[in-house]
Structure formats: C-alpha cells, structure tokens
Amino acid sequence: MSPQNSIAARYRGPRPWRPTPLAGFSIALHGALAMALLISPAAWPWIIAVVAANHALLAAAVFMPRAQLLGPNVNRLPEAAARRREVALTFDDGPDPHTTPQILALLDRHGAKASFFCVGEKAAAHPAIVREIAQREHSVENHSYRHSHAFACFGIGRTSREIELAQQLLARLSGRAPGVFRAPAGFRSPLLDFVLSRCGLRYVSWTRRGFDASRSDPQSVLERLTHGLAAGDVLLLHDSSPAVLQVLPRLLEELAVRGLKSVSLPSAL
C-alpha cells in the first residue's frame, strides 16, 4: 500500500448530514423565495428583505460558539466521562516551538492527557512537535490549515480545502486522523457542519475558556477556568498564550485537589 493510501485508510468515513432546524428552515426558505420571485418578480424588495433577515439570523448564530444552532456541538463530555470524574484539557493554535514542549513536560509531570488542536501551517513548520504530542499519547486534532480569521465567511470549497489539507497533514504526522474539529476563534460557518460530515469529523467547542490568548494576568485566566469547574468540562487554553505556562501548573494542581482527571477527547468521547 502506498503512503498516501495508508493515510487515507486511517480516515473515518463520511457521516450522514442532517441539517439542524435552523439550517433546514433556511434552505427551505431560500427555495420558497426563489419560487416566489419567479411567480411575482415585483415582490423582489420584500423577498430581499426576508433573505437579509434570514442571513442576519445565521450571522448571529456564527457568534454563538457553544450553541447547537448550526450543527452538533460537543461543549461538554458525555455523562459517562463525567461519572469517571474526567475533564478535557484542550490547546488551540499550536504547535508552538517554545511553549508546546513545556506544556507536554507539565502534562507528563502530572500524569495528564490533553488534546491539541493544531494549525496545519504550524504543524508543517514543526512536524517533530506534532509527532511528540502523539508519541506521548495526547491527541492531535484539526484546527484548520491557515487559521484565517475570515474562516466563518468561507464558501464550501474553501472551507473543505482548509479542513482537508490540515486533516491529511496531521494524519501523516501523528499516525492518526483527527476525529474532531474546532473552528478558528470558535466562529463556525453555517456551511461547516456539511463539510465536517463529509470528512467524518465532529465539532468540539468548550465548556469554559480562560481567554489566555488575550489576557496576560494568570490569576484571572485561572479563575475563569476554575470557577464552577466540574467533571465533564472541556477547558480551552492556547499553546502560545502569554499566560499558559503560569496557569497550567496551578490548573493541574486544582484538578488533582478536586479529584478530576484530564483525558484526551478521543478517550472521553
């Protein structure tokens, strides 16, 4: 078997796509409005107004990253994982050549596992770190290829390329095809779930985040992550944030005090 076919063999197959009520309503509405325009062209101002209102509703859903309006969204671990007192530590935007190796050392020291949502371009630049993540039995997951801040505005073709390029690269480097995806900045397109279904990926957001990518005060980051912390939570940090190396040791200690165990997403899901 060629290397390319070997990688392809490790991919999960596509899953059936079932539009959410909002997506199904929007599709049906656009069809009905197209028919209305054919029947009564003079009604175009009203039709445009209805389309604009629907698009405004979809745009509002983009900025609700933990909601289920645009597709299935794992924002907590399953109940079975919560009963096992598990939480999931997740790290976005890496790998980072300075920070990620130190994060891995800290996780090893505490016997914790995590999931790393890697950016394809950064993984291509630092392949040894991606291999190290996998060798230490953490999971490597998909965070798009270029991490564009306009990701939620992409059409189906460009969204597919962003996800599939990262998927192929990360599978080759880690030896395992990512099973879950998180959008850059958490803003998901109304078209994203259709693309994820073709790639066999599930969408994961978070239960609580520390905003460590934008805050340099470790105490405020830690408080955001631990206030109300409970079994089953999915916690979001960033590989290269200003505060992560100060926050992570204290967070891992807090998990131990509360009898919580950090696991990777594949293990919990």
Protein backbone atom coordinates (compact mmCIF):
# COMPACT_ATOMS: atom_id res chain seq x y z
CA MET A 1 0.00 0.00 0.00
CA SER A 2 1.37 3.43 -0.92
CA PRO A 3 1.94 6.01 1.88
CA GLN A 4 -0.94 8.10 0.52
CA ASN A 5 -3.34 5.15 0.56
CA SER A 6 -2.13 4.16 4.02
CA ILE A 7 -3.05 7.59 5.33
CA ALA A 8 -6.41 7.51 3.58
CA ALA A 9 -7.15 4.12 5.15
CA ARG A 10 -7.00 5.67 8.60
CA TYR A 11 -9.71 8.24 7.86
CA ARG A 12 -13.17 7.80 9.27
CA GLY A 13 -15.83 7.61 6.60
CA PRO A 14 -18.27 10.42 5.95
CA ARG A 15 -21.29 10.60 8.21
CA PRO A 16 -24.83 11.42 7.07
CA TRP A 17 -25.55 15.14 7.12
CA ARG A 18 -28.76 16.14 8.85
CA PRO A 19 -29.39 19.90 8.81
CA THR A 20 -30.37 21.50 12.09
CA PRO A 21 -33.84 23.07 12.30
CA LEU A 22 -32.33 26.49 11.60
CA ALA A 23 -30.34 25.24 8.61
CA GLY A 24 -33.30 23.26 7.26
CA PHE A 25 -35.58 26.26 7.64
CA SER A 26 -33.07 28.50 5.84
CA ILE A 27 -32.70 26.07 2.93
CA ALA A 28 -36.48 25.71 2.57
CA LEU A 29 -36.96 29.46 2.88
CA HIS A 30 -34.48 30.20 0.09
CA GLY A 31 -36.23 27.70 -2.16
CA ALA A 32 -39.64 29.17 -1.43
CA LEU A 33 -38.41 32.72 -2.02
CA ALA A 34 -36.85 31.73 -5.34
CA MET A 35 -40.20 30.34 -6.44
CA ALA A 36 -41.94 33.48 -5.20
CA LEU A 37 -39.60 35.63 -7.25
CA LEU A 38 -40.40 33.63 -10.39
CA ILE A 39 -44.13 33.92 -9.78
CA SER A 40 -44.14 37.57 -8.71
CA PRO A 41 -40.99 39.47 -9.77
CA ALA A 42 -42.47 42.72 -8.46
CA ALA A 43 -42.21 41.35 -4.92
CA TRP A 44 -38.40 41.44 -5.06
CA PRO A 45 -37.99 44.16 -2.36
CA TRP A 46 -39.89 42.04 0.17
CA ILE A 47 -38.04 38.91 -0.88
CA ILE A 48 -34.66 40.62 -0.46
CA ALA A 49 -35.73 41.86 2.97
CA VAL A 50 -36.69 38.33 4.08
CA VAL A 51 -33.40 36.91 2.76
CA ALA A 52 -31.46 39.63 4.57
CA ALA A 53 -33.30 38.89 7.82
CA ASN A 54 -32.53 35.18 7.48
CA HIS A 55 -28.86 35.87 6.81
CA ALA A 56 -28.74 38.17 9.83
CA LEU A 57 -30.10 35.31 11.97
CA LEU A 58 -27.47 32.93 10.58
CA ALA A 59 -24.74 35.51 11.17
CA ALA A 60 -25.86 35.88 14.80
CA ALA A 61 -25.56 32.10 15.22
CA VAL A 62 -21.94 32.25 13.98
CA PHE A 63 -21.07 34.32 17.05
CA MET A 64 -22.60 31.79 19.48
CA PRO A 65 -19.73 29.27 19.52
CA ARG A 66 -21.18 26.94 22.17
CA ALA A 67 -24.67 26.74 20.61
CA GLN A 68 -26.14 23.87 18.58
CA LEU A 69 -27.94 26.13 16.08
CA LEU A 70 -25.56 25.41 13.19
CA GLY A 71 -24.88 21.74 13.90
CA PRO A 72 -23.96 19.23 16.60
CA ASN A 73 -21.51 20.78 19.03
CA VAL A 74 -19.69 18.98 21.86
CA ASN A 75 -19.38 21.56 24.62
CA ARG A 76 -19.24 19.02 27.45
CA LEU A 77 -18.03 15.46 27.74
CA PRO A 78 -20.56 12.62 27.79
CA GLU A 79 -22.21 11.74 31.07
CA ALA A 80 -20.16 8.53 31.31
CA ALA A 81 -16.95 10.60 31.27
CA ALA A 82 -18.34 12.94 33.91
CA ARG A 83 -19.12 9.95 36.14
CA ARG A 84 -15.48 8.92 35.77
CA ARG A 85 -14.53 12.42 37.02
CA GLU A 86 -12.90 13.28 33.70
CA VAL A 87 -12.29 16.68 32.13
CA ALA A 88 -10.67 17.50 28.79
CA LEU A 89 -7.80 19.96 28.55
CA THR A 90 -7.59 21.34 25.01
CA PHE A 91 -4.95 23.60 23.49
CA ASP A 92 -5.53 25.67 20.35
CA ASP A 93 -3.31 27.36 17.76
CA GLY A 94 -0.14 25.28 18.07
CA PRO A 95 2.26 23.73 17.81
CA ASP A 96 4.50 26.43 19.26
CA PRO A 97 8.23 25.62 19.29
CA HIS A 98 8.79 27.40 22.61
CA THR A 99 5.65 26.63 24.59
CA THR A 100 4.28 23.29 23.40
CA PRO A 101 7.28 21.20 24.59
CA GLN A 102 6.98 22.82 28.03
CA ILE A 103 3.25 22.08 28.10
CA LEU A 104 3.99 18.44 27.28
CA ALA A 105 6.51 18.25 30.13
CA LEU A 106 3.99 19.71 32.58
CA LEU A 107 1.30 17.26 31.48
CA ASP A 108 3.72 14.35 31.89
CA ARG A 109 4.66 15.54 35.37
CA HIS A 110 1.01 15.43 36.45
CA GLY A 111 0.05 12.28 34.55
CA ALA A 112 -2.47 14.26 32.49
CA LYS A 113 -3.56 13.78 28.89
CA ALA A 114 -4.85 16.51 26.58
CA SER A 115 -5.92 17.30 23.03
CA PHE A 116 -4.05 19.72 20.80
CA PHE A 117 -6.00 21.48 18.05
CA CYS A 118 -3.16 22.11 15.62
CA VAL A 119 -2.96 24.62 12.78
CA GLY A 120 -1.80 22.93 9.58
CA GLU A 121 0.78 25.56 8.62
CA LYS A 122 2.35 25.47 12.07
CA ALA A 123 2.35 21.67 12.08
CA ALA A 124 4.14 21.69 8.71
CA ALA A 125 6.75 24.06 10.18
CA HIS A 126 7.25 21.98 13.36
CA PRO A 127 6.49 18.35 12.46
CA ALA A 128 8.66 16.91 15.25
CA ILE A 129 6.47 18.56 17.88
CA VAL A 130 3.32 17.06 16.36
CA ARG A 131 4.94 13.62 16.44
CA GLU A 132 5.96 14.22 20.06
CA ILE A 133 2.38 15.10 21.02
CA ALA A 134 1.16 11.83 19.53
CA GLN A 135 4.01 9.75 20.98
CA ARG A 136 3.12 10.99 24.46
CA GLU A 137 -0.44 9.71 23.89
CA HIS A 138 -2.15 13.06 23.61
CA SER A 139 -4.45 13.60 20.65
CA VAL A 140 -3.76 15.80 17.64
CA GLU A 141 -6.94 17.42 16.32
CA ASN A 142 -7.88 19.67 13.41
CA HIS A 143 -7.91 23.48 13.76
CA SER A 144 -7.85 24.32 10.00
CA TYR A 145 -4.79 24.76 7.82
CA ARG A 146 -4.18 28.51 7.95
CA HIS A 147 -6.30 29.66 10.93
CA SER A 148 -7.86 32.51 8.96
CA HIS A 149 -9.94 34.95 10.99
CA ALA A 150 -12.31 35.02 7.99
CA PHE A 151 -12.87 31.24 8.21
CA ALA A 152 -16.57 31.59 9.07
CA CYS A 153 -17.09 33.55 5.83
CA PHE A 154 -15.63 30.90 3.51
CA GLY A 155 -17.74 29.00 1.00
CA ILE A 156 -17.98 25.22 0.91
CA GLY A 157 -14.99 24.78 -1.41
CA ARG A 158 -12.55 26.88 0.58
CA THR A 159 -13.80 25.52 3.90
CA SER A 160 -13.27 21.98 2.61
CA ARG A 161 -9.73 22.75 1.45
CA GLU A 162 -8.81 24.30 4.81
CA ILE A 163 -10.05 21.27 6.73
CA GLU A 164 -8.88 18.55 4.34
CA LEU A 165 -5.35 19.94 3.95
CA ALA A 166 -4.94 20.02 7.72
CA GLN A 167 -6.54 16.59 8.06
CA GLN A 168 -4.13 14.96 5.61
CA LEU A 169 -1.06 16.60 7.12
CA LEU A 170 -1.96 15.91 10.75
CA ALA A 171 -2.85 12.29 9.97
CA ARG A 172 0.51 11.79 8.28
CA LEU A 173 2.49 13.38 11.11
CA SER A 174 0.64 11.87 14.06
CA GLY A 175 -0.26 8.47 12.60
CA ARG A 176 -3.94 9.04 13.39
CA ALA A 177 -6.59 11.01 11.52
CA PRO A 178 -8.08 13.72 13.74
CA GLY A 179 -11.60 12.89 14.85
CA VAL A 180 -12.77 16.34 15.91
CA PHE A 181 -12.53 19.91 14.63
CA ARG A 182 -12.64 23.35 16.23
CA ALA A 183 -13.01 26.48 14.11
CA PRO A 184 -10.54 29.36 14.35
CA ALA A 185 -11.69 31.64 17.20
CA GLY A 186 -14.65 29.28 17.59
CA PHE A 187 -16.71 31.04 14.89
CA ARG A 188 -18.36 28.36 12.79
CA SER A 189 -19.85 28.90 9.35
CA PRO A 190 -23.45 27.89 8.62
CA LEU A 191 -21.88 25.61 5.96
CA LEU A 192 -19.36 23.99 8.30
CA ASP A 193 -21.39 21.03 9.51
CA PHE A 194 -22.00 19.86 5.94
CA VAL A 195 -18.22 19.87 5.30
CA LEU A 196 -17.47 18.14 8.61
CA SER A 197 -19.97 15.41 7.80
CA ARG A 198 -18.13 14.67 4.53
CA CYS A 199 -14.82 14.48 6.44
CA GLY A 200 -16.23 12.29 9.22
CA LEU A 201 -15.37 14.92 11.85
CA ARG A 202 -17.27 16.01 14.95
CA TYR A 203 -17.32 19.60 16.14
CA VAL A 204 -16.00 20.43 19.64
CA SER A 205 -16.20 23.82 21.36
CA TRP A 206 -15.70 24.17 25.12
CA THR A 207 -17.41 24.41 28.50
CA ARG A 208 -15.19 27.18 29.83
CA ARG A 209 -12.27 29.18 28.49
CA GLY A 210 -9.65 31.34 30.18
CA PHE A 211 -9.19 33.88 27.37
CA ASP A 212 -5.48 33.28 27.86
CA ALA A 213 -4.74 34.31 24.27
CA SER A 214 -5.72 37.88 25.07
CA ARG A 215 -5.08 38.17 28.83
CA SER A 216 -1.66 38.24 30.44
CA ASP A 217 -2.87 38.00 34.06
CA PRO A 218 -2.54 34.32 35.04
CA GLN A 219 -4.82 34.69 38.06
CA SER A 220 -7.78 35.96 36.05
CA VAL A 221 -7.26 33.21 33.47
CA LEU A 222 -7.16 30.56 36.20
CA GLU A 223 -10.26 31.94 37.89
CA ARG A 224 -12.22 31.82 34.64
CA LEU A 225 -11.24 28.18 34.15
CA THR A 226 -11.88 27.01 37.70
CA HIS A 227 -14.99 28.99 38.68
CA GLY A 228 -17.72 26.35 38.63
CA LEU A 229 -15.32 23.72 37.30
CA ALA A 230 -16.94 20.29 37.24
CA ALA A 231 -16.43 16.78 35.92
CA GLY A 232 -17.25 16.62 32.22
CA ASP A 233 -15.95 20.11 31.41
CA VAL A 234 -13.98 20.86 28.26
CA LEU A 235 -11.36 23.52 29.02
CA LEU A 236 -9.81 25.77 26.37
CA LEU A 237 -6.25 27.13 26.52
CA HIS A 238 -3.74 28.15 23.84
CA ASP A 239 -0.27 26.78 23.13
CA SER A 240 1.39 30.16 22.72
CA SER A 241 -0.60 32.38 25.05
CA PRO A 242 1.21 34.84 27.34
CA ALA A 243 -0.05 33.13 30.49
CA VAL A 244 -0.40 29.42 29.73
CA LEU A 245 2.88 28.26 31.32
CA GLN A 246 1.97 30.04 34.54
CA VAL A 247 -1.66 28.93 34.54
CA LEU A 248 -1.24 25.27 33.60
CA PRO A 249 0.70 24.04 36.69
CA ARG A 250 -1.84 25.65 39.02
CA LEU A 251 -4.74 24.32 36.96
CA LEU A 252 -3.36 20.78 37.03
CA GLU A 253 -2.92 21.03 40.81
CA GLU A 254 -6.50 22.25 41.15
CA LEU A 255 -7.77 19.31 39.12
CA ALA A 256 -5.94 16.93 41.45
CA VAL A 257 -7.37 18.64 44.55
CA ARG A 258 -10.89 18.25 43.14
CA GLY A 259 -10.33 14.62 42.17
CA LEU A 260 -10.61 15.34 38.45
CA LYS A 261 -8.62 13.57 35.75
CA SER A 262 -7.61 15.22 32.48
CA VAL A 263 -8.05 12.95 29.46
CA SER A 264 -7.85 13.37 25.69
CA LEU A 265 -11.03 13.91 23.71
CA PRO A 266 -10.89 10.54 21.88
CA SER A 267 -10.65 8.80 25.25
CA ALA A 268 -13.62 10.70 26.67
CA LEU A 269 -15.82 10.65 23.57
